[in-house]
Amino acid sequence: MSTATYELLAASAQVWSLIGAFVGGLVVAGALIWAVRIGMQVMDREEHRPTPEEQTRLPDGGAVREMREIREPDEVPLSPKSGARLMPYELHHASTRTGKDQIRKRWLPGSSGGFGSGGPGHV
């Protein structure tokens, strides 16, 4: 075989590769266009977004702020001596309640350790 034949065969292989890449690109572009059209149809079926007049507003008193309070454990009531079990409606909704003493415990200078650290306490 001559060099011209090799050049012809090499050129024809490149042409088929080029055509394959072009067809593959068309398939990918068609799939993307189809996906966008389906997405637009789905968005048209959804409820419309609320207008600015339909949006929620802040209360007249302004934004609601955080409330701090000291909580204490709310123990489960003891079962009666008769041995009857407690029913769910006899229990409390939360395991804690607002504490009677609302003064925060503070670290005192001269004492050792933090509150609740198990240290020896005042020195």
C-alpha atoms as a PDB file:
ATOM      1  CA  MET A   1       0.000   0.000   0.000  1.00  0.00           C
ATOM      2  CA  SER A   2       1.123   3.456  -0.740  1.00  0.00           C
ATOM      3  CA  THR A   3       1.235   6.481   1.494  1.00  0.00           C
ATOM      4  CA  ALA A   4      -1.727   7.994  -0.335  1.00  0.00           C
ATOM      5  CA  THR A   5      -3.907   5.000   0.608  1.00  0.00           C
ATOM      6  CA  TYR A   6      -2.930   5.352   4.260  1.00  0.00           C
ATOM      7  CA  GLU A   7      -3.763   9.046   4.162  1.00  0.00           C
ATOM      8  CA  LEU A   8      -7.173   8.296   2.614  1.00  0.00           C
ATOM      9  CA  LEU A   9      -7.952   5.630   5.260  1.00  0.00           C
ATOM     10  CA  ALA A  10      -6.833   7.920   8.109  1.00  0.00           C
ATOM     11  CA  ALA A  11      -8.936  10.780   6.788  1.00  0.00           C
ATOM     12  CA  SER A  12     -12.038   8.599   6.447  1.00  0.00           C
ATOM     13  CA  ALA A  13     -11.685   7.375  10.071  1.00  0.00           C
ATOM     14  CA  GLN A  14     -11.474  10.955  11.282  1.00  0.00           C
ATOM     15  CA  VAL A  15     -14.569  11.891   9.297  1.00  0.00           C
ATOM     16  CA  TRP A  16     -16.590   9.104  10.941  1.00  0.00           C
ATOM     17  CA  SER A  17     -15.351  10.218  14.363  1.00  0.00           C
ATOM     18  CA  LEU A  18     -16.334  13.788  13.586  1.00  0.00           C
ATOM     19  CA  ILE A  19     -19.801  12.730  12.381  1.00  0.00           C
ATOM     20  CA  GLY A  20     -20.258  10.555  15.500  1.00  0.00           C
ATOM     21  CA  ALA A  21     -19.316  13.424  17.800  1.00  0.00           C
ATOM     22  CA  PHE A  22     -21.673  15.803  15.977  1.00  0.00           C
ATOM     23  CA  VAL A  23     -24.609  13.353  16.199  1.00  0.00           C
ATOM     24  CA  GLY A  24     -23.847  12.727  19.886  1.00  0.00           C
ATOM     25  CA  GLY A  25     -23.863  16.475  20.512  1.00  0.00           C
ATOM     26  CA  LEU A  26     -27.224  16.793  18.765  1.00  0.00           C
ATOM     27  CA  VAL A  27     -28.651  14.021  20.957  1.00  0.00           C
ATOM     28  CA  VAL A  28     -27.399  15.703  24.157  1.00  0.00           C
ATOM     29  CA  ALA A  29     -28.694  19.128  23.046  1.00  0.00           C
ATOM     30  CA  GLY A  30     -32.083  17.607  22.161  1.00  0.00           C
ATOM     31  CA  ALA A  31     -32.284  15.913  25.573  1.00  0.00           C
ATOM     32  CA  LEU A  32     -31.515  19.215  27.330  1.00  0.00           C
ATOM     33  CA  ILE A  33     -34.150  21.090  25.313  1.00  0.00           C
ATOM     34  CA  TRP A  34     -36.700  18.347  26.097  1.00  0.00           C
ATOM     35  CA  ALA A  35     -35.860  18.512  29.852  1.00  0.00           C
ATOM     36  CA  VAL A  36     -36.277  22.317  29.910  1.00  0.00           C
ATOM     37  CA  ARG A  37     -39.684  22.067  28.177  1.00  0.00           C
ATOM     38  CA  ILE A  38     -40.877  19.428  30.673  1.00  0.00           C
ATOM     39  CA  GLY A  39     -39.659  21.612  33.564  1.00  0.00           C
ATOM     40  CA  MET A  40     -41.535  24.622  32.203  1.00  0.00           C
ATOM     41  CA  GLN A  41     -44.730  22.555  31.935  1.00  0.00           C
ATOM     42  CA  VAL A  42     -44.347  21.399  35.548  1.00  0.00           C
ATOM     43  CA  MET A  43     -43.831  24.988  36.708  1.00  0.00           C
ATOM     44  CA  ASP A  44     -46.961  26.093  34.841  1.00  0.00           C
ATOM     45  CA  ARG A  45     -49.021  23.478  36.715  1.00  0.00           C
ATOM     46  CA  GLU A  46     -47.763  24.636  40.148  1.00  0.00           C
ATOM     47  CA  GLU A  47     -49.532  27.251  42.249  1.00  0.00           C
ATOM     48  CA  HIS A  48     -48.375  30.793  41.607  1.00  0.00           C
ATOM     49  CA  ARG A  49     -46.169  32.551  44.129  1.00  0.00           C
ATOM     50  CA  PRO A  50     -47.902  34.981  46.497  1.00  0.00           C
ATOM     51  CA  THR A  51     -47.874  38.663  45.613  1.00  0.00           C
ATOM     52  CA  PRO A  52     -46.195  41.150  47.989  1.00  0.00           C
ATOM     53  CA  GLU A  53     -49.618  42.033  49.405  1.00  0.00           C
ATOM     54  CA  GLU A  54     -50.247  38.363  50.277  1.00  0.00           C
ATOM     55  CA  GLN A  55     -46.942  37.949  52.138  1.00  0.00           C
ATOM     56  CA  THR A  56     -46.915  37.634  55.919  1.00  0.00           C
ATOM     57  CA  ARG A  57     -46.226  40.771  57.962  1.00  0.00           C
ATOM     58  CA  LEU A  58     -44.475  41.421  61.263  1.00  0.00           C
ATOM     59  CA  PRO A  59     -46.740  41.835  64.286  1.00  0.00           C
ATOM     60  CA  ASP A  60     -47.566  45.396  65.364  1.00  0.00           C
ATOM     61  CA  GLY A  61     -45.237  45.068  68.353  1.00  0.00           C
ATOM     62  CA  GLY A  62     -42.268  44.167  66.149  1.00  0.00           C
ATOM     63  CA  ALA A  63     -40.331  40.947  65.906  1.00  0.00           C
ATOM     64  CA  VAL A  64     -40.835  38.330  68.600  1.00  0.00           C
ATOM     65  CA  ARG A  65     -37.752  38.093  70.809  1.00  0.00           C
ATOM     66  CA  GLU A  66     -36.184  35.241  72.700  1.00  0.00           C
ATOM     67  CA  MET A  67     -37.394  34.624  76.243  1.00  0.00           C
ATOM     68  CA  ARG A  68     -34.951  33.389  78.881  1.00  0.00           C
ATOM     69  CA  GLU A  69     -36.032  31.589  81.987  1.00  0.00           C
ATOM     70  CA  ILE A  70     -34.609  29.192  84.525  1.00  0.00           C
ATOM     71  CA  ARG A  71     -36.179  25.732  84.209  1.00  0.00           C
ATOM     72  CA  GLU A  72     -36.398  23.010  86.852  1.00  0.00           C
ATOM     73  CA  PRO A  73     -37.330  19.348  86.497  1.00  0.00           C
ATOM     74  CA  ASP A  74     -41.002  18.459  86.612  1.00  0.00           C
ATOM     75  CA  GLU A  75     -41.107  15.059  88.255  1.00  0.00           C
ATOM     76  CA  VAL A  76     -43.528  12.322  87.227  1.00  0.00           C
ATOM     77  CA  PRO A  77     -46.277  12.054  89.851  1.00  0.00           C
ATOM     78  CA  LEU A  78     -46.175   8.990  92.093  1.00  0.00           C
ATOM     79  CA  SER A  79     -48.641   6.242  91.354  1.00  0.00           C
ATOM     80  CA  PRO A  80     -51.415   5.833  93.914  1.00  0.00           C
ATOM     81  CA  LYS A  81     -51.089   3.227  96.686  1.00  0.00           C
ATOM     82  CA  SER A  82     -53.907   1.199  95.119  1.00  0.00           C
ATOM     83  CA  GLY A  83     -51.468   0.120  92.394  1.00  0.00           C
ATOM     84  CA  ALA A  84     -53.396   1.699  89.519  1.00  0.00           C
ATOM     85  CA  ARG A  85     -51.144   2.801  86.719  1.00  0.00           C
ATOM     86  CA  LEU A  86     -50.845   6.388  85.529  1.00  0.00           C
ATOM     87  CA  MET A  87     -52.643   7.191  82.317  1.00  0.00           C
ATOM     88  CA  PRO A  88     -51.081   9.402  79.602  1.00  0.00           C
ATOM     89  CA  TYR A  89     -53.512  12.238  80.296  1.00  0.00           C
ATOM     90  CA  GLU A  90     -52.311  12.324  83.919  1.00  0.00           C
ATOM     91  CA  LEU A  91     -48.725  13.121  82.854  1.00  0.00           C
ATOM     92  CA  HIS A  92     -47.350  16.572  82.074  1.00  0.00           C
ATOM     93  CA  HIS A  93     -46.580  17.802  78.564  1.00  0.00           C
ATOM     94  CA  ALA A  94     -42.957  18.672  79.304  1.00  0.00           C
ATOM     95  CA  SER A  95     -40.297  17.262  81.594  1.00  0.00           C
ATOM     96  CA  THR A  96     -39.427  20.724  82.936  1.00  0.00           C
ATOM     97  CA  ARG A  97     -41.314  23.709  84.290  1.00  0.00           C
ATOM     98  CA  THR A  98     -40.533  27.346  85.012  1.00  0.00           C
ATOM     99  CA  GLY A  99     -38.411  27.535  88.152  1.00  0.00           C
ATOM    100  CA  LYS A 100     -39.539  29.363  91.263  1.00  0.00           C
ATOM    101  CA  ASP A 101     -36.167  31.130  91.563  1.00  0.00           C
ATOM    102  CA  GLN A 102     -35.429  33.068  88.349  1.00  0.00           C
ATOM    103  CA  ILE A 103     -32.043  34.422  89.542  1.00  0.00           C
ATOM    104  CA  ARG A 104     -29.161  32.880  87.614  1.00  0.00           C
ATOM    105  CA  LYS A 105     -26.432  31.234  89.658  1.00  0.00           C
ATOM    106  CA  ARG A 106     -23.168  33.108  89.104  1.00  0.00           C
ATOM    107  CA  TRP A 107     -19.542  32.323  89.724  1.00  0.00           C
ATOM    108  CA  LEU A 108     -18.275  34.004  92.866  1.00  0.00           C
ATOM    109  CA  PRO A 109     -14.735  35.360  92.960  1.00  0.00           C
ATOM    110  CA  GLY A 110     -12.683  33.381  95.464  1.00  0.00           C
ATOM    111  CA  SER A 111     -14.579  30.159  94.964  1.00  0.00           C
ATOM    112  CA  SER A 112     -13.004  27.258  93.163  1.00  0.00           C
ATOM    113  CA  GLY A 113     -14.427  25.640  90.065  1.00  0.00           C
ATOM    114  CA  GLY A 114     -17.505  26.479  88.084  1.00  0.00           C
ATOM    115  CA  PHE A 115     -21.055  25.892  89.176  1.00  0.00           C
ATOM    116  CA  GLY A 116     -21.797  22.183  89.069  1.00  0.00           C
ATOM    117  CA  SER A 117     -18.189  21.171  88.375  1.00  0.00           C
ATOM    118  CA  GLY A 118     -17.926  18.985  91.446  1.00  0.00           C
ATOM    119  CA  GLY A 119     -15.110  21.051  92.920  1.00  0.00           C
ATOM    120  CA  PRO A 120     -14.612  21.550  96.660  1.00  0.00           C
ATOM    121  CA  GLY A 121     -16.676  24.762  96.621  1.00  0.00           C
ATOM    122  CA  HIS A 122     -15.732  27.891  98.587  1.00  0.00           C
ATOM    123  CA  VAL A 123     -12.142  27.989  99.827  1.00  0.00           C
END
